[in-house]
N, C-alpha and C. Protein backbone atom coordinates (compact mmCIF):
# COMPACT_ATOMS: atom_id res chain seq x y z
N UNK A 1 74.81 -41.92 24.34
CA UNK A 1 75.96 -42.59 25.55
C UNK A 1 77.36 -41.76 25.65
N UNK A 2 77.53 -41.65 26.98
CA UNK A 2 78.84 -40.77 27.54
C UNK A 2 79.74 -40.73 26.80
N UNK A 3 80.13 -41.93 26.51
CA UNK A 3 80.98 -42.35 25.77
C UNK A 3 81.08 -41.52 23.71
N UNK A 4 79.68 -41.25 23.50
CA UNK A 4 79.09 -41.25 22.48
C UNK A 4 79.69 -39.71 22.31
N UNK A 5 78.72 -38.99 23.03
CA UNK A 5 79.14 -37.32 23.40
C UNK A 5 81.01 -36.99 23.93
N UNK A 6 82.04 -37.80 24.68
CA UNK A 6 82.83 -37.85 24.95
C UNK A 6 83.32 -37.92 23.55
N UNK A 7 83.22 -39.17 22.24
CA UNK A 7 83.80 -38.66 21.49
C UNK A 7 83.48 -37.21 20.45
N UNK A 8 82.47 -37.07 20.28
CA UNK A 8 81.78 -35.70 19.60
C UNK A 8 82.01 -34.72 20.57
N UNK A 9 82.54 -34.66 21.92
CA UNK A 9 83.18 -33.69 22.15
C UNK A 9 84.69 -32.98 22.04
N UNK A 10 85.37 -34.46 22.12
CA UNK A 10 86.42 -34.10 21.95
C UNK A 10 87.34 -34.07 20.76
N UNK A 11 86.32 -34.31 19.38
CA UNK A 11 87.13 -34.21 17.96
C UNK A 11 86.67 -32.36 18.14
N UNK A 12 85.16 -31.86 18.65
CA UNK A 12 85.30 -30.54 17.73
C UNK A 12 86.50 -29.83 19.33
N UNK A 13 86.28 -30.56 19.85
CA UNK A 13 87.86 -29.82 20.37
C UNK A 13 88.62 -29.35 19.40
N UNK A 14 88.51 -30.54 18.40
CA UNK A 14 89.87 -30.71 17.52
C UNK A 14 89.69 -29.39 16.40
N UNK A 15 88.93 -29.57 15.95
CA UNK A 15 87.48 -28.78 15.12
C UNK A 15 87.53 -26.91 15.80
N UNK A 16 88.49 -26.48 16.83
CA UNK A 16 88.21 -25.43 17.04
C UNK A 16 89.16 -24.87 17.82
N UNK A 17 89.51 -23.53 18.37
CA UNK A 17 90.79 -23.57 19.03
C UNK A 17 91.50 -24.19 20.56
N UNK A 18 90.01 -24.77 21.18
CA UNK A 18 90.26 -25.07 21.47
C UNK A 18 92.25 -26.10 22.15
N UNK A 19 91.74 -26.80 20.87
CA UNK A 19 93.43 -28.07 21.24
C UNK A 19 94.20 -26.77 19.99
N UNK A 20 95.56 -27.01 20.04
CA UNK A 20 96.27 -26.81 18.70
C UNK A 20 97.14 -27.72 18.45
N UNK A 21 97.85 -27.80 16.84
CA UNK A 21 97.72 -29.57 16.47
C UNK A 21 100.00 -29.38 16.76
N UNK A 22 100.22 -29.71 17.63
CA UNK A 22 101.41 -30.51 18.12
C UNK A 22 101.21 -30.06 19.36
N UNK A 23 99.99 -29.82 20.79
CA UNK A 23 99.94 -29.40 21.62
C UNK A 23 100.26 -31.01 22.55
N UNK A 24 100.88 -31.14 23.34
CA UNK A 24 100.52 -31.79 24.05
C UNK A 24 99.90 -32.18 25.41
N UNK A 25 99.22 -32.73 25.78
CA UNK A 25 98.06 -33.06 26.66
C UNK A 25 97.93 -33.73 27.91
N UNK A 26 97.57 -34.23 28.60
CA UNK A 26 96.99 -35.61 28.88
C UNK A 26 95.46 -35.40 29.32
N UNK A 27 95.74 -36.89 29.23
CA UNK A 27 94.04 -37.78 29.56
C UNK A 27 93.62 -36.72 30.63
N UNK A 28 93.90 -36.59 31.96
CA UNK A 28 92.92 -35.77 32.65
C UNK A 28 92.01 -34.29 32.11
N UNK A 29 93.82 -33.33 31.62
CA UNK A 29 93.34 -31.88 30.98
C UNK A 29 92.40 -32.32 30.27
N UNK A 30 92.21 -33.07 28.95
CA UNK A 30 91.17 -33.39 27.44
C UNK A 30 89.90 -34.04 29.06
N UNK A 31 90.02 -34.30 29.98
CA UNK A 31 88.38 -34.84 30.93
C UNK A 31 88.25 -33.52 31.09
N UNK A 32 89.13 -32.98 31.73
CA UNK A 32 88.65 -31.45 31.95
C UNK A 32 87.78 -30.33 30.64
N UNK A 33 88.54 -30.16 30.04
CA UNK A 33 87.91 -29.71 28.55
C UNK A 33 86.41 -29.76 28.33
N UNK A 34 86.61 -31.18 28.24
CA UNK A 34 85.35 -31.74 27.71
C UNK A 34 84.10 -31.82 27.89
N UNK A 35 84.53 -32.08 30.25
CA UNK A 35 83.67 -32.42 30.99
C UNK A 35 82.94 -33.10 31.06
N UNK A 36 84.13 -33.90 30.66
CA UNK A 36 83.87 -35.68 30.50
C UNK A 36 84.87 -36.28 31.26
N UNK A 37 83.77 -37.91 32.09
CA UNK A 37 84.74 -38.50 32.66
C UNK A 37 86.25 -39.31 32.52
N UNK A 38 86.76 -39.47 33.44
CA UNK A 38 88.12 -39.84 32.20
C UNK A 38 87.61 -41.09 31.38
N UNK A 39 86.95 -41.42 32.00
CA UNK A 39 86.69 -43.80 31.49
C UNK A 39 85.93 -43.42 30.39
N UNK A 40 85.32 -42.65 29.84
CA UNK A 40 85.27 -42.22 28.36
C UNK A 40 85.77 -41.02 27.79
N UNK A 41 86.53 -40.58 28.55
CA UNK A 41 87.54 -40.01 27.65
C UNK A 41 88.36 -40.01 26.93
N UNK A 42 89.03 -41.17 27.46
CA UNK A 42 89.86 -42.38 27.76
C UNK A 42 89.55 -43.53 26.27
N UNK A 43 88.42 -43.58 25.94
CA UNK A 43 88.24 -44.68 25.13
C UNK A 43 87.78 -43.38 23.87
N UNK A 44 87.64 -41.85 24.09
CA UNK A 44 87.16 -41.42 22.54
C UNK A 44 88.63 -41.18 22.02
N UNK A 45 89.78 -40.92 23.05
CA UNK A 45 91.25 -40.62 22.83
C UNK A 45 91.51 -41.87 22.16
N UNK A 46 91.44 -43.04 22.35
CA UNK A 46 91.81 -44.68 21.16
C UNK A 46 90.90 -43.95 19.82
N UNK A 47 90.09 -44.34 20.09
CA UNK A 47 88.86 -43.41 18.76
C UNK A 47 89.59 -42.91 17.91
N UNK A 48 89.96 -41.86 18.40
CA UNK A 48 90.39 -40.48 17.88
C UNK A 48 91.80 -40.63 17.94
N UNK A 49 92.83 -41.30 18.02
CA UNK A 49 94.28 -41.73 17.82
C UNK A 49 94.62 -42.83 15.87
N UNK A 50 93.36 -43.84 16.14
CA UNK A 50 92.98 -44.82 15.79
C UNK A 50 92.19 -44.06 14.35
N UNK A 51 92.36 -42.68 14.40
CA UNK A 51 91.26 -42.08 13.45
C UNK A 51 92.57 -41.19 12.78
N UNK A 52 93.44 -41.31 13.47
CA UNK A 52 95.24 -40.37 12.94
C UNK A 52 94.13 -39.00 13.40
N UNK A 53 93.83 -38.48 13.92
CA UNK A 53 93.35 -37.21 14.50
C UNK A 53 94.68 -37.17 15.95
N UNK A 54 95.02 -38.02 16.32
CA UNK A 54 96.07 -37.47 17.83
C UNK A 54 96.71 -38.22 17.32
N UNK A 55 98.20 -38.73 18.74
CA UNK A 55 98.64 -39.49 18.69
C UNK A 55 99.10 -40.19 20.31
N UNK A 56 99.04 -40.73 20.93
CA UNK A 56 99.19 -40.93 22.09
C UNK A 56 100.20 -41.16 22.13
N UNK A 57 100.90 -40.69 23.13
CA UNK A 57 102.61 -40.90 22.90
C UNK A 57 103.36 -41.61 25.33
N UNK A 58 104.08 -42.80 25.06
CA UNK A 58 103.27 -43.48 26.23
C UNK A 58 104.25 -42.52 27.34
N UNK A 59 104.09 -42.64 28.82
CA UNK A 59 104.32 -41.70 29.31
C UNK A 59 104.88 -40.52 29.40
N UNK A 60 104.32 -39.83 28.09
CA UNK A 60 104.06 -38.07 28.19
C UNK A 60 102.16 -37.67 27.81
N UNK A 61 101.70 -38.31 27.30
CA UNK A 61 100.45 -37.59 26.84
C UNK A 61 99.54 -38.07 25.40
N UNK A 62 98.94 -36.93 25.60
CA UNK A 62 98.33 -36.95 23.95
C UNK A 62 99.17 -35.34 22.56
N UNK A 63 99.51 -36.15 22.14
CA UNK A 63 99.82 -34.93 21.29
C UNK A 63 98.86 -34.92 20.06
N UNK A 64 98.79 -33.25 20.20
CA UNK A 64 97.30 -33.22 18.67
C UNK A 64 98.16 -33.51 17.47
N UNK A 65 97.91 -33.75 16.18
CA UNK A 65 98.90 -34.16 15.38
C UNK A 65 98.65 -32.40 15.09
N UNK A 66 99.89 -33.06 13.76
CA UNK A 66 100.60 -31.23 12.81
C UNK A 66 99.73 -32.23 11.29
N UNK A 67 99.75 -30.92 11.14
CA UNK A 67 98.94 -30.83 9.82
C UNK A 67 99.86 -31.16 9.02
N UNK A 68 101.02 -31.54 8.45
CA UNK A 68 102.19 -32.20 8.10
C UNK A 68 101.63 -32.21 6.59
N UNK A 69 102.48 -31.90 5.67
CA UNK A 69 102.55 -32.31 3.60
C UNK A 69 101.91 -33.88 3.20
N UNK A 70 102.49 -34.47 3.99
CA UNK A 70 102.36 -35.91 4.25
C UNK A 70 100.80 -36.16 4.35
N UNK A 71 100.55 -35.46 5.54
CA UNK A 71 98.89 -36.04 5.71
C UNK A 71 97.92 -35.25 5.56
N UNK A 72 98.33 -34.29 4.35
CA UNK A 72 97.28 -33.35 3.51
C UNK A 72 97.31 -34.37 2.28
N UNK A 73 98.64 -34.51 1.23
CA UNK A 73 97.61 -35.19 0.54
C UNK A 73 97.39 -36.53 1.26
N UNK A 74 98.13 -37.48 1.48
CA UNK A 74 97.31 -38.65 1.70
C UNK A 74 96.22 -39.18 1.84
N UNK A 75 95.54 -38.09 3.16
CA UNK A 75 94.00 -37.08 3.50
C UNK A 75 93.29 -36.98 1.12
N UNK A 76 94.25 -36.83 1.24
CA UNK A 76 93.29 -36.46 -0.63
C UNK A 76 93.52 -36.90 -2.02
N UNK A 77 94.35 -37.94 -0.97
CA UNK A 77 95.01 -39.57 -1.94
C UNK A 77 93.38 -40.13 -1.63
N UNK A 78 93.77 -40.80 -0.51
CA UNK A 78 91.82 -41.09 0.25
C UNK A 78 91.12 -40.92 -0.12
N UNK A 79 90.41 -39.61 -0.32
CA UNK A 79 89.87 -38.82 -0.63
C UNK A 79 88.93 -39.26 -2.40
N UNK A 80 90.23 -38.64 -3.12
CA UNK A 80 89.41 -38.86 -4.50
C UNK A 80 89.61 -40.14 -4.88
N UNK A 81 90.51 -41.13 -4.16
CA UNK A 81 89.60 -42.43 -3.80
C UNK A 81 88.43 -43.23 -4.75
N UNK A 82 87.96 -42.29 -2.72
CA UNK A 82 86.24 -42.96 -2.70
C UNK A 82 85.55 -42.28 -3.67
N UNK A 83 85.77 -40.82 -3.84
CA UNK A 83 84.93 -39.46 -4.80
C UNK A 83 85.04 -40.43 -5.95
N UNK A 84 85.97 -40.25 -6.49
CA UNK A 84 86.03 -40.67 -8.21
C UNK A 84 85.05 -41.73 -8.76
N UNK A 85 85.17 -42.48 -8.67
CA UNK A 85 84.69 -44.04 -8.47
C UNK A 85 82.65 -43.19 -8.09
N UNK A 86 82.47 -42.78 -6.84
CA UNK A 86 80.96 -42.56 -6.19
C UNK A 86 80.50 -40.66 -7.01
N UNK A 87 81.33 -40.42 -7.60
CA UNK A 87 80.61 -39.37 -8.86
C UNK A 87 80.39 -39.55 -10.29
N UNK A 88 80.53 -41.17 -10.60
CA UNK A 88 79.77 -41.86 -11.51
C UNK A 88 79.01 -42.87 -11.32
N UNK A 89 78.95 -42.95 -10.38
CA UNK A 89 77.17 -43.41 -9.17
C UNK A 89 76.81 -42.90 -9.01
N UNK A 90 76.52 -42.10 -8.95
CA UNK A 90 75.89 -40.71 -8.94
C UNK A 90 75.04 -40.11 -9.82
N UNK A 91 76.36 -39.99 -11.31
CA UNK A 91 75.64 -39.33 -11.68
C UNK A 91 74.17 -40.34 -12.64
N UNK A 92 75.30 -41.61 -11.96
CA UNK A 92 74.95 -42.72 -13.60
C UNK A 92 73.17 -42.81 -12.48
N UNK A 93 72.94 -43.06 -11.45
CA UNK A 93 71.08 -42.77 -10.48
C UNK A 93 70.44 -42.30 -10.48
N UNK A 94 71.39 -40.74 -10.51
CA UNK A 94 70.55 -39.44 -9.84
C UNK A 94 69.35 -39.55 -11.44
N UNK A 95 68.15 -38.28 -10.47
CA UNK A 95 67.00 -38.06 -11.20
C UNK A 95 68.01 -36.63 -12.25
N UNK A 96 67.68 -36.39 -13.40
CA UNK A 96 68.22 -35.30 -13.93
C UNK A 96 67.94 -33.80 -12.78
N UNK A 97 66.23 -33.97 -12.34
CA UNK A 97 66.15 -33.08 -11.63
C UNK A 97 66.71 -32.49 -10.25
N UNK A 98 66.93 -33.58 -9.67
CA UNK A 98 68.12 -33.93 -8.74
C UNK A 98 69.56 -32.67 -9.26
N UNK A 99 70.75 -32.68 -9.88
CA UNK A 99 70.89 -32.19 -11.30
C UNK A 99 71.51 -30.73 -11.22
N UNK A 100 70.06 -30.63 -11.72
CA UNK A 100 69.31 -29.78 -12.03
C UNK A 100 69.19 -28.69 -10.71
N UNK A 101 69.04 -29.08 -9.73
CA UNK A 101 68.08 -28.78 -8.87
C UNK A 101 69.98 -28.24 -7.82
N UNK A 102 70.95 -29.58 -8.00
CA UNK A 102 71.86 -29.04 -6.62
C UNK A 102 73.05 -27.90 -8.19
N UNK A 103 72.41 -27.97 -8.69
CA UNK A 103 73.53 -26.59 -9.84
C UNK A 103 72.64 -25.16 -9.24
N UNK A 104 71.66 -25.37 -9.97
CA UNK A 104 70.69 -23.91 -9.47
C UNK A 104 70.82 -23.10 -8.31
N UNK A 105 71.47 -23.91 -7.12
CA UNK A 105 72.37 -23.85 -5.44
C UNK A 105 73.44 -23.22 -5.91
N UNK A 106 74.52 -23.80 -6.70
CA UNK A 106 75.69 -23.59 -6.83
C UNK A 106 75.30 -22.57 -7.49
N UNK A 107 74.75 -23.18 -8.54
CA UNK A 107 74.75 -21.05 -9.46
C UNK A 107 74.48 -19.71 -8.31
N UNK A 108 73.59 -20.04 -7.42
CA UNK A 108 72.56 -18.70 -6.50
C UNK A 108 73.86 -18.29 -5.35
N UNK A 109 74.69 -19.56 -4.76
CA UNK A 109 75.78 -18.89 -3.75
C UNK A 109 76.79 -18.70 -4.14
N UNK A 110 77.16 -19.25 -5.47
CA UNK A 110 78.33 -18.39 -6.99
C UNK A 110 77.84 -16.79 -7.55
N UNK A 111 76.30 -16.58 -7.28
CA UNK A 111 76.72 -14.95 -7.69
C UNK A 111 76.31 -14.10 -6.34
N UNK A 112 75.69 -14.53 -5.09
CA UNK A 112 76.38 -14.16 -3.86
C UNK A 112 78.04 -13.79 -3.87
N UNK A 113 78.91 -14.65 -3.93
CA UNK A 113 79.83 -15.00 -4.13
C UNK A 113 81.14 -13.69 -4.29
N UNK A 114 80.08 -13.51 -5.56
CA UNK A 114 81.32 -12.91 -6.91
C UNK A 114 80.46 -11.45 -6.15
N UNK A 115 79.65 -10.78 -5.47
CA UNK A 115 79.13 -10.22 -4.97
C UNK A 115 80.10 -9.22 -3.54
N UNK A 116 80.69 -10.26 -3.13
CA UNK A 116 80.97 -9.92 -1.58
C UNK A 116 81.65 -11.54 -1.25
N UNK A 117 82.46 -11.69 -0.27
CA UNK A 117 82.31 -13.00 0.75
C UNK A 117 82.25 -12.59 1.80
N UNK A 118 81.09 -13.14 3.11
CA UNK A 118 81.32 -12.50 4.54
C UNK A 118 81.09 -13.83 5.27
N UNK A 119 81.04 -13.86 6.30
CA UNK A 119 80.79 -14.62 7.72
C UNK A 119 79.45 -15.89 7.47
N UNK A 120 79.72 -14.88 6.66
CA UNK A 120 77.85 -16.24 7.13
C UNK A 120 77.29 -16.77 5.30
N UNK A 121 78.16 -16.56 4.67
CA UNK A 121 78.33 -16.56 3.16
C UNK A 121 78.99 -18.26 3.44
N UNK A 122 80.04 -17.66 3.75
CA UNK A 122 81.31 -18.36 4.85
C UNK A 122 80.96 -20.12 4.87
N UNK A 123 79.90 -19.97 5.87
CA UNK A 123 79.56 -20.99 6.65
C UNK A 123 78.40 -21.63 5.60
N UNK A 124 77.52 -20.98 4.91
CA UNK A 124 76.47 -21.48 4.09
C UNK A 124 77.33 -22.11 2.65
N UNK A 125 78.27 -21.46 2.52
CA UNK A 125 78.86 -22.55 1.19
C UNK A 125 80.16 -23.64 2.30
N UNK A 126 80.18 -23.79 2.97
CA UNK A 126 80.91 -25.10 3.79
C UNK A 126 79.65 -26.36 3.76
N UNK A 127 78.67 -25.27 4.31
CA UNK A 127 77.29 -26.38 3.81
C UNK A 127 76.81 -27.08 2.87
N UNK A 128 76.85 -26.22 1.64
CA UNK A 128 76.29 -26.98 0.63
C UNK A 128 77.78 -27.61 -0.49
N UNK A 129 79.27 -27.58 0.66
CA UNK A 129 80.21 -27.98 0.41
C UNK A 129 80.22 -28.77 0.77
N UNK A 130 79.58 -29.92 1.95
CA UNK A 130 79.91 -31.17 2.75
C UNK A 130 78.62 -31.91 2.30
N UNK A 131 77.07 -30.70 1.68
CA UNK A 131 76.30 -32.53 1.83
C UNK A 131 76.56 -32.05 0.18
N UNK A 132 77.33 -31.53 -1.03
CA UNK A 132 77.27 -31.54 -1.82
C UNK A 132 78.50 -33.67 -2.08
N UNK A 133 78.90 -33.40 -1.38
CA UNK A 133 80.20 -34.20 -1.45
C UNK A 133 79.65 -35.27 -0.80
N UNK A 134 78.69 -35.20 -0.19
CA UNK A 134 78.22 -36.74 1.08
C UNK A 134 77.39 -36.46 0.70
N UNK A 135 76.12 -36.28 -0.64
CA UNK A 135 75.08 -36.89 -1.58
C UNK A 135 75.92 -37.87 -1.99
N UNK A 136 76.76 -37.60 -3.09
CA UNK A 136 77.69 -37.57 -4.03
C UNK A 136 78.16 -39.74 -3.82
N UNK A 137 79.06 -39.29 -1.88
CA UNK A 137 79.15 -41.09 -1.57
C UNK A 137 78.60 -41.98 -1.57
N UNK A 138 77.42 -41.00 -0.86
CA UNK A 138 76.13 -42.05 -0.78
C UNK A 138 75.81 -43.30 -2.06
N UNK A 139 75.67 -42.10 -3.49
CA UNK A 139 75.74 -42.55 -3.50
C UNK A 139 76.03 -43.98 -4.25
N UNK A 140 77.13 -44.14 -3.62
CA UNK A 140 77.97 -45.43 -3.73
C UNK A 140 76.68 -46.97 -3.23
N UNK A 141 76.34 -46.69 -1.68
CA UNK A 141 75.37 -47.49 -1.20
C UNK A 141 76.35 -48.25 -0.40
N UNK A 142 77.29 -48.41 -0.21
CA UNK A 142 78.54 -49.22 0.32
C UNK A 142 78.31 -48.93 1.70
N UNK A 143 78.26 -49.29 2.82
CA UNK A 143 78.01 -49.48 4.59
C UNK A 143 80.52 -48.78 5.19
N UNK A 144 80.82 -49.98 4.18
CA UNK A 144 81.73 -50.28 4.44
C UNK A 144 82.75 -48.51 3.71
N UNK A 145 82.79 -48.10 2.85
CA UNK A 145 83.34 -47.05 2.00
C UNK A 145 82.49 -45.42 2.83
N UNK A 146 80.87 -45.91 3.32
CA UNK A 146 80.37 -44.86 3.90
C UNK A 146 81.52 -44.60 4.95
N UNK A 147 82.21 -45.54 5.99
CA UNK A 147 82.74 -45.71 7.51
C UNK A 147 83.60 -44.82 7.11
N UNK A 148 84.65 -45.37 6.05
CA UNK A 148 86.45 -44.64 5.82
C UNK A 148 86.29 -43.25 5.81
N UNK A 149 85.06 -42.31 4.45
CA UNK A 149 84.38 -41.76 3.68
C UNK A 149 84.60 -40.96 4.82
N UNK A 150 83.52 -41.23 6.20
CA UNK A 150 83.06 -40.03 7.15
C UNK A 150 84.18 -40.06 8.31
N UNK A 151 85.09 -41.20 8.44
CA UNK A 151 86.54 -40.18 8.98
C UNK A 151 87.59 -39.69 8.58
N UNK A 152 87.93 -39.70 7.15
CA UNK A 152 88.11 -38.97 5.84
C UNK A 152 87.24 -37.66 6.02
N UNK A 153 86.16 -37.27 6.36
CA UNK A 153 86.41 -36.27 6.17
C UNK A 153 86.16 -35.46 7.49
N UNK A 154 86.99 -35.91 8.17
CA UNK A 154 86.76 -35.50 9.52
C UNK A 154 87.92 -34.49 9.66
N UNK A 155 89.43 -35.11 9.47
CA UNK A 155 90.31 -35.64 8.71
C UNK A 155 90.12 -33.87 7.87
N UNK A 156 89.49 -33.91 6.76
CA UNK A 156 89.55 -32.89 5.95
C UNK A 156 88.47 -31.23 6.60
N UNK A 157 87.90 -31.73 7.66
CA UNK A 157 87.55 -31.12 8.43
C UNK A 157 88.02 -30.12 9.51
N UNK A 158 89.37 -31.02 9.56
CA UNK A 158 90.80 -30.55 11.28
C UNK A 158 92.06 -29.93 9.71
N UNK A 159 91.60 -30.33 8.88
CA UNK A 159 92.34 -29.88 7.30
C UNK A 159 91.64 -27.77 7.94
N UNK A 160 90.42 -28.10 6.92
CA UNK A 160 89.91 -26.53 6.81
C UNK A 160 90.06 -25.48 7.99
N UNK A 161 89.23 -26.24 8.97
CA UNK A 161 89.29 -25.59 10.30
C UNK A 161 91.00 -24.65 10.97
N UNK A 162 92.29 -25.71 11.02
CA UNK A 162 93.37 -25.17 11.28
C UNK A 162 94.04 -24.05 10.12
N UNK A 163 93.51 -24.28 8.95
CA UNK A 163 93.97 -23.58 8.10
C UNK A 163 93.45 -22.47 7.28
N UNK A 164 92.06 -22.74 7.55
CA UNK A 164 91.37 -21.52 7.16
C UNK A 164 91.14 -21.93 5.84
N UNK A 165 88.93 -21.75 5.89
CA UNK A 165 89.11 -21.13 4.41
C UNK A 165 88.63 -20.60 3.70
N UNK A 166 89.86 -20.22 3.03
CA UNK A 166 90.46 -18.93 2.40
C UNK A 166 88.96 -18.16 1.23
N UNK A 167 88.64 -17.17 1.67
CA UNK A 167 87.81 -16.87 1.68
C UNK A 167 87.53 -16.71 0.10
N UNK A 168 88.87 -16.14 -0.57
CA UNK A 168 89.01 -16.46 -2.01
C UNK A 168 88.81 -17.44 -2.73
N UNK A 169 88.88 -18.83 -1.75
CA UNK A 169 88.84 -19.95 -2.32
C UNK A 169 87.14 -20.37 -3.54
N UNK A 170 86.55 -19.50 -2.09
CA UNK A 170 84.89 -19.73 -2.36
C UNK A 170 84.29 -20.11 -3.75
N UNK A 171 84.78 -18.82 -4.57
CA UNK A 171 83.81 -18.51 -5.68
C UNK A 171 84.42 -19.85 -7.27
N UNK A 172 85.68 -20.02 -6.54
CA UNK A 172 86.95 -20.98 -8.05
C UNK A 172 86.19 -22.48 -6.99
N UNK A 173 85.90 -23.04 -6.05
CA UNK A 173 84.91 -24.67 -5.57
C UNK A 173 83.66 -24.58 -6.06
N UNK A 174 83.01 -23.31 -6.02
CA UNK A 174 80.95 -23.13 -6.79
C UNK A 174 81.44 -24.20 -8.17
N UNK A 175 82.68 -23.15 -8.95
CA UNK A 175 82.77 -23.01 -10.37
C UNK A 175 83.39 -25.19 -10.43
N UNK A 176 83.91 -25.62 -9.68
CA UNK A 176 84.51 -26.29 -9.89
C UNK A 176 82.76 -27.80 -9.59
N UNK A 177 82.73 -27.43 -8.73
CA UNK A 177 81.18 -27.60 -8.14
C UNK A 177 80.30 -28.40 -9.26
N UNK A 178 80.10 -26.97 -10.45
CA UNK A 178 79.56 -27.07 -11.32
C UNK A 178 79.99 -27.59 -12.55
N UNK A 179 81.76 -27.38 -13.01
CA UNK A 179 81.91 -28.39 -13.54
C UNK A 179 82.04 -29.38 -13.72
N UNK A 180 81.04 -30.73 -12.37
CA UNK A 180 81.08 -31.76 -11.82
C UNK A 180 79.63 -31.85 -12.69
N UNK A 181 78.98 -30.95 -12.34
CA UNK A 181 76.86 -31.12 -12.40
C UNK A 181 76.94 -31.44 -14.10
N UNK A 182 77.91 -29.98 -14.55
CA UNK A 182 77.72 -30.24 -16.17
C UNK A 182 78.15 -31.07 -16.86
N UNK A 183 79.40 -31.77 -16.51
CA UNK A 183 80.20 -32.83 -17.20
C UNK A 183 79.11 -33.50 -16.86
N UNK A 184 78.49 -34.17 -15.99
CA UNK A 184 77.70 -34.89 -15.86
C UNK A 184 76.12 -35.30 -16.28
N UNK A 185 76.12 -33.41 -16.57
CA UNK A 185 74.61 -33.74 -17.17
C UNK A 185 74.57 -33.53 -18.40
N UNK A 186 76.16 -33.03 -19.44
CA UNK A 186 75.69 -32.76 -20.90
C UNK A 186 76.96 -34.32 -21.08
N UNK A 187 78.12 -35.09 -20.43
CA UNK A 187 78.87 -36.16 -20.97
C UNK A 187 78.37 -37.59 -20.52
N UNK A 188 77.90 -37.52 -18.82
CA UNK A 188 77.90 -38.95 -18.15
C UNK A 188 78.65 -38.84 -16.87
N UNK A 189 78.50 -40.19 -16.93
CA UNK A 189 79.14 -40.61 -15.20
C UNK A 189 81.68 -40.53 -15.51
N UNK A 190 82.09 -40.66 -16.26
CA UNK A 190 83.08 -40.63 -16.87
C UNK A 190 83.17 -39.56 -16.53
N UNK A 191 82.88 -38.53 -17.78
CA UNK A 191 83.47 -36.51 -17.67
C UNK A 191 82.37 -36.53 -15.87
N UNK A 192 81.96 -36.31 -15.18
CA UNK A 192 82.47 -35.95 -13.90
C UNK A 192 83.25 -37.05 -12.78
N UNK A 193 83.69 -37.66 -13.41
CA UNK A 193 84.45 -38.83 -12.53
C UNK A 193 85.75 -38.02 -13.00
N UNK A 194 85.81 -37.43 -14.65
CA UNK A 194 87.25 -36.64 -14.48
C UNK A 194 87.27 -35.11 -13.15
N UNK A 195 85.97 -34.58 -13.54
CA UNK A 195 85.56 -33.23 -13.18
C UNK A 195 86.40 -32.94 -11.75
N UNK A 196 85.70 -34.74 -11.18
CA UNK A 196 86.22 -34.27 -9.73
C UNK A 196 87.55 -34.53 -9.36
N UNK A 197 88.67 -35.13 -10.55
CA UNK A 197 89.55 -35.28 -9.94
C UNK A 197 90.74 -34.06 -9.81
N UNK A 198 89.47 -33.62 -10.79
CA UNK A 198 90.37 -31.77 -10.75
C UNK A 198 90.09 -31.51 -9.80
N UNK A 199 88.61 -31.14 -9.78
CA UNK A 199 87.84 -30.43 -8.93
C UNK A 199 88.95 -30.96 -6.95
N UNK A 200 89.00 -31.96 -6.60
CA UNK A 200 89.66 -32.10 -5.31
C UNK A 200 92.12 -32.08 -5.94
N UNK A 201 92.41 -31.92 -6.70
CA UNK A 201 93.12 -31.68 -6.57
C UNK A 201 93.44 -30.60 -6.92
N UNK A 202 92.49 -29.36 -6.66
CA UNK A 202 92.60 -27.53 -7.02
C UNK A 202 92.33 -27.32 -5.05
N UNK A 203 91.63 -28.50 -4.42
CA UNK A 203 91.46 -28.31 -3.38
C UNK A 203 92.44 -29.16 -2.41
N UNK A 204 93.13 -29.81 -3.11
CA UNK A 204 94.39 -30.06 -2.40
C UNK A 204 95.71 -29.22 -2.15
N UNK A 205 95.22 -28.18 -3.76
CA UNK A 205 96.73 -27.71 -3.76
C UNK A 205 95.92 -26.27 -2.72
N UNK A 206 94.93 -25.76 -2.62
CA UNK A 206 94.56 -25.09 -1.40
C UNK A 206 94.79 -25.14 -0.66
N UNK A 207 94.79 -26.44 0.32
CA UNK A 207 95.32 -27.15 2.01
C UNK A 207 96.60 -26.74 1.82
N UNK A 208 97.90 -27.25 0.82
CA UNK A 208 98.63 -26.95 1.45
C UNK A 208 99.28 -26.12 0.74
N UNK A 209 98.56 -25.13 0.38
CA UNK A 209 99.03 -23.45 0.10
C UNK A 209 98.78 -21.88 1.49
N UNK A 210 97.48 -22.39 2.00
CA UNK A 210 97.20 -21.63 2.80
C UNK A 210 98.22 -22.02 4.43
């Protein structure tokens, strides 16, 4: 559908260099940027405003939200509320073979990272990172939580895109994922949840510092 296409294109423009935090643009400028009619673009703007990715200012235009410390704090607080519970559900429900397979993937990527981080490896790490977290949240089997998580994940991606994925973060992020998996394998769901808490606190620290 055209409205979904406009939404996807406009959101991608936020993730890449086409739109900058703090930038003021008009609806017509956004429609031209994403090559979509004004009607679907206007609907996409309203959806993204509801998701706190941009802000509509009456009589002025659309402002791309700045990545303030308060915004980052709120995003990671919501993420932790969801993923702590999800980590417990995942470890309780997952087959041991799946946990071991994920562990092997992370170990292989970590070995590559210790030899040097380049752009292809960064891309591979981001794909594994999101697949790992998406799989954990899916274990809740809750459609309402899944939608909240999806919207908040877009905010996380915006933070990553605008503040940059620091190469030095890659090895420590992989180690933290391994700590979650090892905690689950050795000590069970609660230990995995505690390891997830530590991982997300560290991720927030990196998001603030870069």
